[in-house]
């Protein structure tokens, strides 16, 4: 599929068939996805892949326990055969920029020295790569936050204390579903998004 077509077709899928995805297929998608920009080639984004029923069930038991499921609108989201947790390790950026070739940037002391936290920027690029790669491969995906469950999820799936969960992405064969509540919200006009300042004074 051409990139332009994948971008136009990409949407959040909230209903999945429970059909498993071959590990080699999923690994191929993740390998493609990690080829995003990375400040200083720090490459601090990694994945925890939950692609067995016991693991996906454990994830939902932590983040959407039974009492809340009865009122959950997207019950077939829970059928997704894989959930990819996208991780970043912010301290890797401090360590990388403390190295000799990056020392002049002055970003190698602590996280507070970064005016823009590029660990989120780089991880966002990887996330978008994954969402587009999934569509290109004929699958569907839904991106969602872990929010206040982050510490419990990190503990359950043995994620390092110095790592952050950027997002969770359900992946699988898409089924017909209703659009989400925000789907009808229009994008702003292009002339409100693109700004071109006048000549420099």
C-alpha atoms as a PDB file:
ATOM      1  CA  UNK A   1       0.000   0.000   0.000  1.00  0.00           C
ATOM      2  CA  UNK A   2       1.271   3.485  -0.761  1.00  0.00           C
ATOM      3  CA  UNK A   3       2.019   5.686   2.239  1.00  0.00           C
ATOM      4  CA  UNK A   4      -0.606   8.231   1.197  1.00  0.00           C
ATOM      5  CA  UNK A   5      -3.276   5.526   1.098  1.00  0.00           C
ATOM      6  CA  UNK A   6      -2.235   4.084   4.466  1.00  0.00           C
ATOM      7  CA  UNK A   7      -2.412   7.559   6.025  1.00  0.00           C
ATOM      8  CA  UNK A   8      -5.890   8.155   4.590  1.00  0.00           C
ATOM      9  CA  UNK A   9      -7.138   4.726   5.681  1.00  0.00           C
ATOM     10  CA  UNK A  10      -5.692   4.781   9.206  1.00  0.00           C
ATOM     11  CA  UNK A  11      -8.256   5.017  12.003  1.00  0.00           C
ATOM     12  CA  UNK A  12      -8.740   3.669  15.492  1.00  0.00           C
ATOM     13  CA  UNK A  13     -10.277   0.185  15.393  1.00  0.00           C
ATOM     14  CA  UNK A  14     -12.234  -0.801  18.489  1.00  0.00           C
ATOM     15  CA  UNK A  15     -13.544  -4.227  17.451  1.00  0.00           C
ATOM     16  CA  UNK A  16     -11.246  -7.130  16.691  1.00  0.00           C
ATOM     17  CA  UNK A  17     -11.444 -10.771  15.759  1.00  0.00           C
ATOM     18  CA  UNK A  18      -9.651 -12.922  18.328  1.00  0.00           C
ATOM     19  CA  UNK A  19      -7.587 -14.560  15.551  1.00  0.00           C
ATOM     20  CA  UNK A  20      -3.939 -14.744  16.665  1.00  0.00           C
ATOM     21  CA  UNK A  21      -1.266 -12.859  14.715  1.00  0.00           C
ATOM     22  CA  UNK A  22       1.849 -14.783  13.736  1.00  0.00           C
ATOM     23  CA  UNK A  23       4.765 -13.617  15.860  1.00  0.00           C
ATOM     24  CA  UNK A  24       6.995 -13.195  12.824  1.00  0.00           C
ATOM     25  CA  UNK A  25       4.391 -10.885  11.282  1.00  0.00           C
ATOM     26  CA  UNK A  26       4.099  -8.774  14.410  1.00  0.00           C
ATOM     27  CA  UNK A  27       7.875  -8.662  14.858  1.00  0.00           C
ATOM     28  CA  UNK A  28       8.229  -7.455  11.264  1.00  0.00           C
ATOM     29  CA  UNK A  29       5.789  -4.609  11.969  1.00  0.00           C
ATOM     30  CA  UNK A  30       7.689  -3.638  15.120  1.00  0.00           C
ATOM     31  CA  UNK A  31      11.010  -3.743  13.294  1.00  0.00           C
ATOM     32  CA  UNK A  32       9.652  -1.337  10.670  1.00  0.00           C
ATOM     33  CA  UNK A  33       8.119   0.888  13.310  1.00  0.00           C
ATOM     34  CA  UNK A  34      11.286   1.430  15.327  1.00  0.00           C
ATOM     35  CA  UNK A  35      12.941   3.083  12.333  1.00  0.00           C
ATOM     36  CA  UNK A  36      11.795   6.546  13.368  1.00  0.00           C
ATOM     37  CA  UNK A  37      13.866   9.636  14.124  1.00  0.00           C
ATOM     38  CA  UNK A  38      15.829   9.485  17.360  1.00  0.00           C
ATOM     39  CA  UNK A  39      17.645  12.412  18.993  1.00  0.00           C
ATOM     40  CA  UNK A  40      21.343  11.573  18.998  1.00  0.00           C
ATOM     41  CA  UNK A  41      20.383   8.127  17.698  1.00  0.00           C
ATOM     42  CA  UNK A  42      19.609   7.326  21.335  1.00  0.00           C
ATOM     43  CA  UNK A  43      17.143   4.593  20.290  1.00  0.00           C
ATOM     44  CA  UNK A  44      15.475   4.390  23.688  1.00  0.00           C
ATOM     45  CA  UNK A  45      12.084   3.139  22.499  1.00  0.00           C
ATOM     46  CA  UNK A  46      11.248  -0.515  23.123  1.00  0.00           C
ATOM     47  CA  UNK A  47       8.183  -2.761  23.131  1.00  0.00           C
ATOM     48  CA  UNK A  48       6.541  -5.165  25.536  1.00  0.00           C
ATOM     49  CA  UNK A  49       4.345  -7.466  23.450  1.00  0.00           C
ATOM     50  CA  UNK A  50       1.355  -9.174  25.028  1.00  0.00           C
ATOM     51  CA  UNK A  51       0.365 -11.701  22.366  1.00  0.00           C
ATOM     52  CA  UNK A  52      -0.964 -14.644  24.357  1.00  0.00           C
ATOM     53  CA  UNK A  53      -4.481 -14.831  25.839  1.00  0.00           C
ATOM     54  CA  UNK A  54      -3.141 -15.117  29.385  1.00  0.00           C
ATOM     55  CA  UNK A  55      -1.176 -11.894  28.925  1.00  0.00           C
ATOM     56  CA  UNK A  56      -3.913  -9.840  27.261  1.00  0.00           C
ATOM     57  CA  UNK A  57      -6.393 -11.056  29.880  1.00  0.00           C
ATOM     58  CA  UNK A  58      -3.980 -10.026  32.636  1.00  0.00           C
ATOM     59  CA  UNK A  59      -3.668  -6.579  31.049  1.00  0.00           C
ATOM     60  CA  UNK A  60      -7.434  -6.037  30.928  1.00  0.00           C
ATOM     61  CA  UNK A  61      -7.896  -7.425  34.449  1.00  0.00           C
ATOM     62  CA  UNK A  62      -5.527  -4.710  35.678  1.00  0.00           C
ATOM     63  CA  UNK A  63      -6.832  -1.799  33.615  1.00  0.00           C
ATOM     64  CA  UNK A  64     -10.518  -2.648  33.107  1.00  0.00           C
ATOM     65  CA  UNK A  65     -11.626  -4.964  35.937  1.00  0.00           C
ATOM     66  CA  UNK A  66     -14.914  -6.871  35.728  1.00  0.00           C
ATOM     67  CA  UNK A  67     -17.146  -4.358  37.543  1.00  0.00           C
ATOM     68  CA  UNK A  68     -16.314  -1.697  34.909  1.00  0.00           C
ATOM     69  CA  UNK A  69     -16.705  -3.967  31.887  1.00  0.00           C
ATOM     70  CA  UNK A  70     -20.498  -4.084  31.980  1.00  0.00           C
ATOM     71  CA  UNK A  71     -20.651  -0.395  31.055  1.00  0.00           C
ATOM     72  CA  UNK A  72     -17.705  -0.486  28.611  1.00  0.00           C
ATOM     73  CA  UNK A  73     -18.873   0.337  25.102  1.00  0.00           C
ATOM     74  CA  UNK A  74     -16.155  -1.434  23.125  1.00  0.00           C
ATOM     75  CA  UNK A  75     -16.282  -5.034  24.388  1.00  0.00           C
ATOM     76  CA  UNK A  76     -14.617  -6.431  21.235  1.00  0.00           C
ATOM     77  CA  UNK A  77     -11.572  -4.268  21.855  1.00  0.00           C
ATOM     78  CA  UNK A  78     -10.751  -6.843  24.513  1.00  0.00           C
ATOM     79  CA  UNK A  79     -10.642  -9.535  21.807  1.00  0.00           C
ATOM     80  CA  UNK A  80      -7.542  -8.029  20.165  1.00  0.00           C
ATOM     81  CA  UNK A  81      -4.973 -10.843  20.046  1.00  0.00           C
ATOM     82  CA  UNK A  82      -2.046  -8.526  20.764  1.00  0.00           C
ATOM     83  CA  UNK A  83      -1.383  -5.455  22.860  1.00  0.00           C
ATOM     84  CA  UNK A  84       1.898  -3.638  22.271  1.00  0.00           C
ATOM     85  CA  UNK A  85       3.169  -1.472  25.114  1.00  0.00           C
ATOM     86  CA  UNK A  86       5.432   1.229  23.690  1.00  0.00           C
ATOM     87  CA  UNK A  87       8.139   2.191  26.179  1.00  0.00           C
ATOM     88  CA  UNK A  88      10.759   4.885  26.443  1.00  0.00           C
ATOM     89  CA  UNK A  89      13.590   5.378  28.906  1.00  0.00           C
ATOM     90  CA  UNK A  90      14.126   9.112  29.437  1.00  0.00           C
ATOM     91  CA  UNK A  91      17.469   8.705  31.242  1.00  0.00           C
ATOM     92  CA  UNK A  92      18.948   7.166  28.096  1.00  0.00           C
ATOM     93  CA  UNK A  93      18.812  10.643  26.567  1.00  0.00           C
ATOM     94  CA  UNK A  94      20.735  12.226  29.436  1.00  0.00           C
ATOM     95  CA  UNK A  95      23.323   9.434  29.231  1.00  0.00           C
ATOM     96  CA  UNK A  96      23.652   9.783  25.457  1.00  0.00           C
ATOM     97  CA  UNK A  97      24.059  13.554  25.616  1.00  0.00           C
ATOM     98  CA  UNK A  98      26.710  13.232  28.317  1.00  0.00           C
ATOM     99  CA  UNK A  99      28.867  11.404  25.755  1.00  0.00           C
ATOM    100  CA  UNK A 100      31.750  13.262  24.198  1.00  0.00           C
ATOM    101  CA  UNK A 101      30.225  13.896  20.771  1.00  0.00           C
ATOM    102  CA  UNK A 102      27.067  15.432  22.270  1.00  0.00           C
ATOM    103  CA  UNK A 103      28.520  17.280  25.274  1.00  0.00           C
ATOM    104  CA  UNK A 104      28.291  20.746  23.695  1.00  0.00           C
ATOM    105  CA  UNK A 105      24.478  20.531  23.661  1.00  0.00           C
ATOM    106  CA  UNK A 106      24.470  20.857  27.466  1.00  0.00           C
ATOM    107  CA  UNK A 107      21.763  18.205  27.880  1.00  0.00           C
ATOM    108  CA  UNK A 108      23.784  15.534  29.643  1.00  0.00           C
ATOM    109  CA  UNK A 109      23.229  16.561  33.259  1.00  0.00           C
ATOM    110  CA  UNK A 110      19.601  15.761  34.041  1.00  0.00           C
ATOM    111  CA  UNK A 111      16.123  15.482  32.538  1.00  0.00           C
ATOM    112  CA  UNK A 112      15.197  19.026  33.597  1.00  0.00           C
ATOM    113  CA  UNK A 113      17.809  20.399  31.217  1.00  0.00           C
ATOM    114  CA  UNK A 114      15.760  19.319  28.193  1.00  0.00           C
ATOM    115  CA  UNK A 115      13.462  22.188  27.119  1.00  0.00           C
ATOM    116  CA  UNK A 116      11.624  19.720  24.867  1.00  0.00           C
ATOM    117  CA  UNK A 117      11.521  16.118  26.178  1.00  0.00           C
ATOM    118  CA  UNK A 118      12.593  14.313  23.034  1.00  0.00           C
ATOM    119  CA  UNK A 119      11.910  10.889  24.541  1.00  0.00           C
ATOM    120  CA  UNK A 120       8.206  11.623  23.950  1.00  0.00           C
ATOM    121  CA  UNK A 121       8.858  13.065  20.471  1.00  0.00           C
ATOM    122  CA  UNK A 122      10.839  10.016  19.343  1.00  0.00           C
ATOM    123  CA  UNK A 123       8.346   7.581  20.862  1.00  0.00           C
ATOM    124  CA  UNK A 124       5.491   9.402  19.114  1.00  0.00           C
ATOM    125  CA  UNK A 125       7.229   8.895  15.770  1.00  0.00           C
ATOM    126  CA  UNK A 126       7.562   5.172  16.499  1.00  0.00           C
ATOM    127  CA  UNK A 127       3.887   4.983  17.476  1.00  0.00           C
ATOM    128  CA  UNK A 128       2.795   6.600  14.207  1.00  0.00           C
ATOM    129  CA  UNK A 129       5.078   4.275  12.255  1.00  0.00           C
ATOM    130  CA  UNK A 130       3.426   1.317  13.951  1.00  0.00           C
ATOM    131  CA  UNK A 131      -0.110   2.564  13.310  1.00  0.00           C
ATOM    132  CA  UNK A 132       0.663   3.075   9.605  1.00  0.00           C
ATOM    133  CA  UNK A 133       2.551  -0.231   9.290  1.00  0.00           C
ATOM    134  CA  UNK A 134      -0.408  -2.110  10.768  1.00  0.00           C
ATOM    135  CA  UNK A 135      -2.791  -0.593   8.200  1.00  0.00           C
ATOM    136  CA  UNK A 136      -0.310  -1.286   5.410  1.00  0.00           C
ATOM    137  CA  UNK A 137      -0.254  -4.934   6.495  1.00  0.00           C
ATOM    138  CA  UNK A 138      -4.054  -5.269   6.400  1.00  0.00           C
ATOM    139  CA  UNK A 139      -4.590  -5.217  10.165  1.00  0.00           C
ATOM    140  CA  UNK A 140      -6.205  -2.725  12.528  1.00  0.00           C
ATOM    141  CA  UNK A 141      -4.961  -0.927  15.624  1.00  0.00           C
ATOM    142  CA  UNK A 142      -6.247   1.147  18.521  1.00  0.00           C
ATOM    143  CA  UNK A 143      -3.984   3.466  20.500  1.00  0.00           C
ATOM    144  CA  UNK A 144      -4.907   4.183  24.113  1.00  0.00           C
ATOM    145  CA  UNK A 145      -3.255   5.432  27.275  1.00  0.00           C
ATOM    146  CA  UNK A 146      -2.365   3.421  30.360  1.00  0.00           C
ATOM    147  CA  UNK A 147      -2.735   6.524  32.569  1.00  0.00           C
ATOM    148  CA  UNK A 148      -3.152   5.808  36.293  1.00  0.00           C
ATOM    149  CA  UNK A 149      -2.564   2.068  35.781  1.00  0.00           C
ATOM    150  CA  UNK A 150       1.034   2.578  34.653  1.00  0.00           C
ATOM    151  CA  UNK A 151       2.733   1.439  37.862  1.00  0.00           C
ATOM    152  CA  UNK A 152       0.554  -1.672  38.184  1.00  0.00           C
ATOM    153  CA  UNK A 153       1.154  -2.593  34.540  1.00  0.00           C
ATOM    154  CA  UNK A 154       4.903  -2.043  34.907  1.00  0.00           C
ATOM    155  CA  UNK A 155       5.013  -4.299  37.957  1.00  0.00           C
ATOM    156  CA  UNK A 156       2.909  -7.068  36.365  1.00  0.00           C
ATOM    157  CA  UNK A 157       4.905  -7.174  33.116  1.00  0.00           C
ATOM    158  CA  UNK A 158       8.377  -6.607  34.626  1.00  0.00           C
ATOM    159  CA  UNK A 159       8.991  -3.207  33.106  1.00  0.00           C
ATOM    160  CA  UNK A 160      11.903  -1.228  34.550  1.00  0.00           C
ATOM    161  CA  UNK A 161      11.255   1.478  37.120  1.00  0.00           C
ATOM    162  CA  UNK A 162      13.112   4.004  34.930  1.00  0.00           C
ATOM    163  CA  UNK A 163      10.996   3.214  31.850  1.00  0.00           C
ATOM    164  CA  UNK A 164       7.746   4.945  30.938  1.00  0.00           C
ATOM    165  CA  UNK A 165       4.784   3.472  29.081  1.00  0.00           C
ATOM    166  CA  UNK A 166       4.024   5.908  26.275  1.00  0.00           C
ATOM    167  CA  UNK A 167       0.923   4.085  25.036  1.00  0.00           C
ATOM    168  CA  UNK A 168      -0.762   0.745  24.568  1.00  0.00           C
ATOM    169  CA  UNK A 169      -1.715  -0.331  21.046  1.00  0.00           C
ATOM    170  CA  UNK A 170      -4.171  -3.161  20.409  1.00  0.00           C
ATOM    171  CA  UNK A 171      -3.464  -4.952  17.126  1.00  0.00           C
ATOM    172  CA  UNK A 172      -5.495  -7.535  15.235  1.00  0.00           C
ATOM    173  CA  UNK A 173      -7.885  -8.341  12.420  1.00  0.00           C
ATOM    174  CA  UNK A 174     -10.426  -5.504  12.360  1.00  0.00           C
ATOM    175  CA  UNK A 175     -14.158  -6.111  12.555  1.00  0.00           C
ATOM    176  CA  UNK A 176     -16.888  -3.604  11.647  1.00  0.00           C
ATOM    177  CA  UNK A 177     -17.436  -1.180  14.494  1.00  0.00           C
ATOM    178  CA  UNK A 178     -19.061   2.105  15.339  1.00  0.00           C
ATOM    179  CA  UNK A 179     -16.947   5.235  15.135  1.00  0.00           C
ATOM    180  CA  UNK A 180     -15.857   6.711  18.441  1.00  0.00           C
ATOM    181  CA  UNK A 181     -17.510   9.790  19.908  1.00  0.00           C
ATOM    182  CA  UNK A 182     -14.728  12.046  18.641  1.00  0.00           C
ATOM    183  CA  UNK A 183     -14.797  10.740  15.060  1.00  0.00           C
ATOM    184  CA  UNK A 184     -17.219  13.426  13.892  1.00  0.00           C
ATOM    185  CA  UNK A 185     -15.119  16.248  15.286  1.00  0.00           C
ATOM    186  CA  UNK A 186     -13.813  18.167  12.267  1.00  0.00           C
ATOM    187  CA  UNK A 187     -10.170  18.871  11.712  1.00  0.00           C
ATOM    188  CA  UNK A 188      -9.331  22.574  11.731  1.00  0.00           C
ATOM    189  CA  UNK A 189      -9.033  24.167   8.279  1.00  0.00           C
ATOM    190  CA  UNK A 190      -5.574  23.912   6.769  1.00  0.00           C
ATOM    191  CA  UNK A 191      -5.106  27.684   6.832  1.00  0.00           C
ATOM    192  CA  UNK A 192      -5.445  27.573  10.637  1.00  0.00           C
ATOM    193  CA  UNK A 193      -2.826  24.873  10.942  1.00  0.00           C
ATOM    194  CA  UNK A 194      -0.186  26.297   8.588  1.00  0.00           C
ATOM    195  CA  UNK A 195       1.316  29.650   9.567  1.00  0.00           C
ATOM    196  CA  UNK A 196       3.904  31.525   7.570  1.00  0.00           C
ATOM    197  CA  UNK A 197       5.358  34.546   9.342  1.00  0.00           C
ATOM    198  CA  UNK A 198       6.372  37.542   7.320  1.00  0.00           C
ATOM    199  CA  UNK A 199       9.992  38.361   6.453  1.00  0.00           C
ATOM    200  CA  UNK A 200      12.461  38.599   9.320  1.00  0.00           C
ATOM    201  CA  UNK A 201      12.764  42.096  10.747  1.00  0.00           C
END
